[in-house]
Amino acid sequence: MLTVEAAGARVARDLEDAERMTNETLRAMSRLQMSMLNVRLDTDLPQYQGQIAVIRLQEAQKQMVDAMTNLTKVHKAMRDDFTKITGLPDEPGRCPVTGELEIAGRNTALG
C-alpha cells in the first residue's frame, strides 16, 4: 500500500504531465493556425479560403484554454487537500495560489 506522500507525488507528476501536454497542444494548434494563415498569404488562393477551418480551429483553441483553466483549478484543489492531509508546506511558485487567477482581463475564481 502506498503512503499518502508517495501517492501525492505520483498525482503531482501526472498533473504536471497533463498541464504540459495541454500547453504543448495549444502550441501545436498555434503552429497549425500560422501555417493555415501562411497559405492565404503566401499563395494565390483567395484571402478568405479556409475561413470555416480557421474558425473551428480557434474554437478548439478556446476549449484548450478552458481546459487549462480547469486543470489549474484541479491543481489548486488537490494541493489544498494534500496540504491539509499531510501538513506539509507548499513549495512557493509551484502551485496556483489561493484567490483568483487573472485571465485575459477577467478574474476566474480558483476555489
N, C-alpha and C. Protein backbone atom coordinates (compact mmCIF):
# COMPACT_ATOMS: atom_id res chain seq x y z
N MET A 1 0.84 -1.19 0.00
CA MET A 1 0.00 0.00 0.00
C MET A 1 0.89 1.24 0.00
N LEU A 2 0.49 2.24 -0.79
CA LEU A 2 1.24 3.48 -0.89
C LEU A 2 0.99 4.38 0.32
N THR A 3 1.99 5.16 0.66
CA THR A 3 1.78 6.19 1.66
C THR A 3 1.07 7.36 0.97
N VAL A 4 0.47 8.23 1.76
CA VAL A 4 -0.19 9.41 1.20
C VAL A 4 0.83 10.27 0.46
N GLU A 5 2.03 10.39 1.03
CA GLU A 5 3.06 11.21 0.39
C GLU A 5 3.47 10.64 -0.97
N ALA A 6 3.64 9.31 -1.04
CA ALA A 6 4.04 8.68 -2.31
C ALA A 6 2.92 8.79 -3.34
N ALA A 7 1.69 8.59 -2.91
CA ALA A 7 0.56 8.72 -3.82
C ALA A 7 0.44 10.16 -4.30
N GLY A 8 0.64 11.11 -3.39
CA GLY A 8 0.59 12.52 -3.75
C GLY A 8 1.66 12.89 -4.76
N ALA A 9 2.85 12.33 -4.59
CA ALA A 9 3.94 12.61 -5.52
C ALA A 9 3.60 12.07 -6.92
N ARG A 10 2.97 10.91 -6.97
CA ARG A 10 2.58 10.35 -8.27
C ARG A 10 1.51 11.22 -8.93
N VAL A 11 0.53 11.64 -8.15
CA VAL A 11 -0.52 12.51 -8.69
C VAL A 11 0.09 13.82 -9.18
N ALA A 12 1.04 14.38 -8.42
CA ALA A 12 1.69 15.63 -8.82
C ALA A 12 2.40 15.47 -10.16
N ARG A 13 3.10 14.36 -10.36
CA ARG A 13 3.78 14.11 -11.65
C ARG A 13 2.75 14.01 -12.78
N ASP A 14 1.67 13.27 -12.53
CA ASP A 14 0.65 13.10 -13.56
C ASP A 14 -0.03 14.43 -13.90
N LEU A 15 -0.27 15.24 -12.87
CA LEU A 15 -0.89 16.54 -13.09
C LEU A 15 0.04 17.45 -13.91
N GLU A 16 1.31 17.47 -13.56
CA GLU A 16 2.26 18.27 -14.32
C GLU A 16 2.36 17.80 -15.77
N ASP A 17 2.27 16.48 -15.98
CA ASP A 17 2.25 15.96 -17.35
C ASP A 17 1.02 16.46 -18.10
N ALA A 18 -0.14 16.43 -17.45
CA ALA A 18 -1.38 16.88 -18.08
C ALA A 18 -1.29 18.37 -18.43
N GLU A 19 -0.73 19.16 -17.51
CA GLU A 19 -0.57 20.59 -17.77
C GLU A 19 0.39 20.83 -18.94
N ARG A 20 1.49 20.11 -18.95
CA ARG A 20 2.47 20.26 -20.04
C ARG A 20 1.85 19.85 -21.38
N MET A 21 1.11 18.73 -21.40
CA MET A 21 0.51 18.27 -22.65
C MET A 21 -0.54 19.26 -23.16
N THR A 22 -1.28 19.87 -22.24
CA THR A 22 -2.26 20.88 -22.64
C THR A 22 -1.56 22.06 -23.30
N ASN A 23 -0.47 22.52 -22.70
CA ASN A 23 0.29 23.62 -23.29
C ASN A 23 0.93 23.22 -24.61
N GLU A 24 1.42 21.99 -24.71
CA GLU A 24 2.00 21.52 -25.97
C GLU A 24 0.93 21.47 -27.06
N THR A 25 -0.27 21.06 -26.69
CA THR A 25 -1.37 21.01 -27.65
C THR A 25 -1.72 22.42 -28.12
N LEU A 26 -1.77 23.37 -27.19
CA LEU A 26 -2.04 24.75 -27.57
C LEU A 26 -0.96 25.29 -28.51
N ARG A 27 0.28 24.95 -28.22
CA ARG A 27 1.38 25.39 -29.09
C ARG A 27 1.25 24.77 -30.48
N ALA A 28 0.91 23.49 -30.55
CA ALA A 28 0.74 22.83 -31.84
C ALA A 28 -0.41 23.44 -32.62
N MET A 29 -1.49 23.78 -31.92
CA MET A 29 -2.63 24.42 -32.59
C MET A 29 -2.24 25.80 -33.12
N SER A 30 -1.42 26.50 -32.37
CA SER A 30 -0.96 27.82 -32.82
C SER A 30 -0.09 27.70 -34.07
N ARG A 31 0.77 26.68 -34.09
CA ARG A 31 1.59 26.46 -35.29
C ARG A 31 0.70 26.13 -36.48
N LEU A 32 -0.32 25.31 -36.25
CA LEU A 32 -1.26 24.96 -37.32
C LEU A 32 -1.96 26.21 -37.84
N GLN A 33 -2.40 27.06 -36.94
CA GLN A 33 -3.07 28.28 -37.37
C GLN A 33 -2.12 29.15 -38.20
N MET A 34 -0.89 29.26 -37.75
CA MET A 34 0.10 30.05 -38.50
C MET A 34 0.27 29.46 -39.90
N SER A 35 0.37 28.15 -40.00
CA SER A 35 0.51 27.51 -41.31
C SER A 35 -0.70 27.77 -42.19
N MET A 36 -1.88 27.68 -41.59
CA MET A 36 -3.11 27.91 -42.36
C MET A 36 -3.16 29.34 -42.89
N LEU A 37 -2.80 30.29 -42.05
CA LEU A 37 -2.82 31.69 -42.48
C LEU A 37 -1.71 31.98 -43.49
N ASN A 38 -0.58 31.30 -43.36
CA ASN A 38 0.50 31.47 -44.34
C ASN A 38 0.07 31.01 -45.72
N VAL A 39 -0.76 29.98 -45.79
CA VAL A 39 -1.27 29.54 -47.09
C VAL A 39 -2.04 30.68 -47.75
N ARG A 40 -2.85 31.37 -46.98
CA ARG A 40 -3.60 32.50 -47.52
C ARG A 40 -2.67 33.61 -48.03
N LEU A 41 -1.62 33.87 -47.26
CA LEU A 41 -0.75 35.00 -47.57
C LEU A 41 0.32 34.67 -48.60
N ASP A 42 0.73 33.42 -48.66
CA ASP A 42 1.87 33.05 -49.49
C ASP A 42 1.51 32.36 -50.78
N THR A 43 0.23 32.24 -51.07
CA THR A 43 -0.20 31.60 -52.32
C THR A 43 -1.19 32.52 -53.03
N ASP A 44 -1.63 32.06 -54.17
CA ASP A 44 -2.60 32.83 -54.95
C ASP A 44 -4.04 32.53 -54.56
N LEU A 45 -4.24 31.75 -53.51
CA LEU A 45 -5.60 31.44 -53.07
C LEU A 45 -6.28 32.70 -52.54
N PRO A 46 -7.59 32.74 -52.62
CA PRO A 46 -8.30 33.90 -52.06
C PRO A 46 -8.04 34.03 -50.55
N GLN A 47 -8.02 35.27 -50.06
CA GLN A 47 -7.72 35.52 -48.66
C GLN A 47 -8.75 34.92 -47.71
N TYR A 48 -9.94 34.65 -48.20
CA TYR A 48 -11.00 34.07 -47.36
C TYR A 48 -11.01 32.55 -47.39
N GLN A 49 -10.15 31.96 -48.22
CA GLN A 49 -10.13 30.50 -48.36
C GLN A 49 -9.84 29.84 -47.01
N GLY A 50 -10.63 28.86 -46.64
CA GLY A 50 -10.40 28.12 -45.41
C GLY A 50 -10.91 28.81 -44.16
N GLN A 51 -11.77 29.81 -44.32
CA GLN A 51 -12.25 30.58 -43.17
C GLN A 51 -12.98 29.70 -42.16
N ILE A 52 -13.78 28.77 -42.63
CA ILE A 52 -14.51 27.88 -41.71
C ILE A 52 -13.52 27.06 -40.88
N ALA A 53 -12.46 26.59 -41.51
CA ALA A 53 -11.44 25.83 -40.78
C ALA A 53 -10.74 26.70 -39.74
N VAL A 54 -10.46 27.95 -40.08
CA VAL A 54 -9.82 28.87 -39.12
C VAL A 54 -10.75 29.08 -37.92
N ILE A 55 -12.02 29.28 -38.18
CA ILE A 55 -12.99 29.47 -37.10
C ILE A 55 -13.05 28.24 -36.20
N ARG A 56 -13.10 27.08 -36.80
CA ARG A 56 -13.18 25.84 -36.00
C ARG A 56 -11.91 25.62 -35.17
N LEU A 57 -10.77 25.95 -35.76
CA LEU A 57 -9.52 25.81 -35.02
C LEU A 57 -9.49 26.77 -33.82
N GLN A 58 -9.95 27.99 -34.03
CA GLN A 58 -9.98 28.92 -32.91
C GLN A 58 -10.95 28.47 -31.82
N GLU A 59 -12.04 27.85 -32.20
CA GLU A 59 -12.95 27.29 -31.20
C GLU A 59 -12.26 26.17 -30.41
N ALA A 60 -11.50 25.35 -31.11
CA ALA A 60 -10.76 24.28 -30.44
C ALA A 60 -9.70 24.86 -29.50
N GLN A 61 -9.03 25.94 -29.94
CA GLN A 61 -8.04 26.59 -29.08
C GLN A 61 -8.69 27.14 -27.82
N LYS A 62 -9.86 27.74 -27.94
CA LYS A 62 -10.56 28.26 -26.77
C LYS A 62 -10.90 27.13 -25.81
N GLN A 63 -11.32 26.00 -26.35
CA GLN A 63 -11.64 24.85 -25.50
C GLN A 63 -10.39 24.37 -24.75
N MET A 64 -9.23 24.42 -25.41
CA MET A 64 -7.99 24.01 -24.74
C MET A 64 -7.60 25.02 -23.66
N VAL A 65 -7.80 26.30 -23.92
CA VAL A 65 -7.53 27.32 -22.89
C VAL A 65 -8.45 27.09 -21.70
N ASP A 66 -9.72 26.80 -21.97
CA ASP A 66 -10.66 26.50 -20.88
C ASP A 66 -10.23 25.25 -20.12
N ALA A 67 -9.73 24.25 -20.84
CA ALA A 67 -9.25 23.03 -20.19
C ALA A 67 -8.07 23.35 -19.28
N MET A 68 -7.17 24.21 -19.74
CA MET A 68 -6.02 24.58 -18.91
C MET A 68 -6.48 25.33 -17.66
N THR A 69 -7.47 26.19 -17.80
CA THR A 69 -8.03 26.89 -16.64
C THR A 69 -8.60 25.89 -15.64
N ASN A 70 -9.31 24.89 -16.14
CA ASN A 70 -9.86 23.87 -15.24
C ASN A 70 -8.77 23.03 -14.61
N LEU A 71 -7.72 22.72 -15.35
CA LEU A 71 -6.59 21.99 -14.75
C LEU A 71 -5.93 22.80 -13.64
N THR A 72 -5.87 24.13 -13.83
CA THR A 72 -5.32 24.99 -12.79
C THR A 72 -6.17 24.91 -11.53
N LYS A 73 -7.48 24.88 -11.71
CA LYS A 73 -8.39 24.74 -10.56
C LYS A 73 -8.22 23.37 -9.90
N VAL A 74 -8.06 22.34 -10.71
CA VAL A 74 -7.80 20.99 -10.17
C VAL A 74 -6.51 21.01 -9.36
N HIS A 75 -5.48 21.62 -9.92
CA HIS A 75 -4.17 21.67 -9.28
C HIS A 75 -4.29 22.33 -7.90
N LYS A 76 -4.97 23.46 -7.86
CA LYS A 76 -5.11 24.17 -6.59
C LYS A 76 -5.92 23.35 -5.58
N ALA A 77 -7.01 22.77 -6.01
CA ALA A 77 -7.85 21.99 -5.10
C ALA A 77 -7.08 20.78 -4.55
N MET A 78 -6.33 20.11 -5.42
CA MET A 78 -5.57 18.94 -4.98
C MET A 78 -4.45 19.37 -4.03
N ARG A 79 -3.82 20.50 -4.32
CA ARG A 79 -2.75 20.98 -3.45
C ARG A 79 -3.29 21.34 -2.08
N ASP A 80 -4.46 22.02 -2.06
CA ASP A 80 -5.09 22.36 -0.78
C ASP A 80 -5.39 21.10 0.03
N ASP A 81 -5.95 20.08 -0.63
CA ASP A 81 -6.25 18.82 0.07
C ASP A 81 -4.98 18.16 0.58
N PHE A 82 -3.95 18.10 -0.26
CA PHE A 82 -2.70 17.45 0.13
C PHE A 82 -2.07 18.16 1.33
N THR A 83 -2.10 19.50 1.30
CA THR A 83 -1.52 20.27 2.41
C THR A 83 -2.30 20.01 3.70
N LYS A 84 -3.63 19.94 3.60
CA LYS A 84 -4.46 19.66 4.79
C LYS A 84 -4.18 18.27 5.34
N ILE A 85 -4.06 17.30 4.45
CA ILE A 85 -3.89 15.91 4.89
C ILE A 85 -2.51 15.67 5.48
N THR A 86 -1.48 16.19 4.82
CA THR A 86 -0.11 15.88 5.24
C THR A 86 0.49 16.90 6.19
N GLY A 87 -0.02 18.12 6.14
CA GLY A 87 0.57 19.18 6.94
C GLY A 87 1.88 19.69 6.37
N LEU A 88 2.24 19.22 5.19
CA LEU A 88 3.48 19.67 4.55
C LEU A 88 3.28 21.03 3.90
N PRO A 89 4.31 21.87 3.92
CA PRO A 89 4.16 23.20 3.31
C PRO A 89 4.14 23.13 1.79
N ASP A 90 3.55 24.14 1.21
CA ASP A 90 3.52 24.26 -0.24
C ASP A 90 4.87 24.79 -0.72
N GLU A 91 5.31 24.35 -1.89
CA GLU A 91 6.53 24.87 -2.48
C GLU A 91 6.19 26.15 -3.22
N PRO A 92 6.77 27.28 -2.82
CA PRO A 92 6.44 28.56 -3.46
C PRO A 92 6.64 28.53 -4.98
N GLY A 93 5.64 29.05 -5.71
CA GLY A 93 5.73 29.15 -7.15
C GLY A 93 5.39 27.89 -7.92
N ARG A 94 5.20 26.78 -7.24
CA ARG A 94 4.93 25.53 -7.94
C ARG A 94 3.45 25.32 -8.20
N CYS A 95 2.61 25.83 -7.30
CA CYS A 95 1.18 25.58 -7.39
C CYS A 95 0.41 26.89 -7.43
N PRO A 96 -0.79 26.86 -8.01
CA PRO A 96 -1.62 28.06 -8.01
C PRO A 96 -1.90 28.52 -6.58
N VAL A 97 -1.98 29.82 -6.41
CA VAL A 97 -2.24 30.37 -5.08
C VAL A 97 -3.73 30.53 -4.86
N THR A 98 -4.09 30.77 -3.61
CA THR A 98 -5.50 30.95 -3.29
C THR A 98 -6.01 32.23 -3.91
N GLY A 99 -7.29 32.35 -4.02
CA GLY A 99 -7.88 33.56 -4.57
C GLY A 99 -8.32 33.37 -5.99
N GLU A 100 -7.87 34.28 -6.84
CA GLU A 100 -8.34 34.28 -8.21
C GLU A 100 -7.18 34.26 -9.19
N LEU A 101 -7.45 33.77 -10.35
CA LEU A 101 -6.48 33.71 -11.43
C LEU A 101 -6.86 34.76 -12.46
N GLU A 102 -5.93 35.63 -12.80
CA GLU A 102 -6.19 36.67 -13.78
C GLU A 102 -6.08 36.06 -15.17
N ILE A 103 -7.18 36.10 -15.92
CA ILE A 103 -7.20 35.51 -17.26
C ILE A 103 -7.78 36.53 -18.23
N ALA A 104 -6.97 36.99 -19.13
CA ALA A 104 -7.41 37.87 -20.23
C ALA A 104 -8.33 38.97 -19.74
N GLY A 105 -7.90 39.65 -18.67
CA GLY A 105 -8.68 40.78 -18.20
C GLY A 105 -9.85 40.43 -17.32
N ARG A 106 -10.08 39.14 -17.09
CA ARG A 106 -11.18 38.78 -16.19
C ARG A 106 -10.62 37.88 -15.10
N ASN A 107 -11.24 37.92 -13.97
CA ASN A 107 -10.82 37.08 -12.86
C ASN A 107 -11.61 35.79 -12.86
N THR A 108 -10.93 34.70 -12.63
CA THR A 108 -11.59 33.41 -12.55
C THR A 108 -11.29 32.83 -11.17
N ALA A 109 -12.31 32.59 -10.40
CA ALA A 109 -12.12 32.06 -9.06
C ALA A 109 -11.51 30.67 -9.15
N LEU A 110 -10.51 30.43 -8.31
CA LEU A 110 -9.86 29.12 -8.28
C LEU A 110 -10.51 28.16 -7.30
N GLY A 111 -11.28 28.64 -6.42
CA GLY A 111 -11.86 27.80 -5.38
C GLY A 111 -12.98 26.95 -5.82
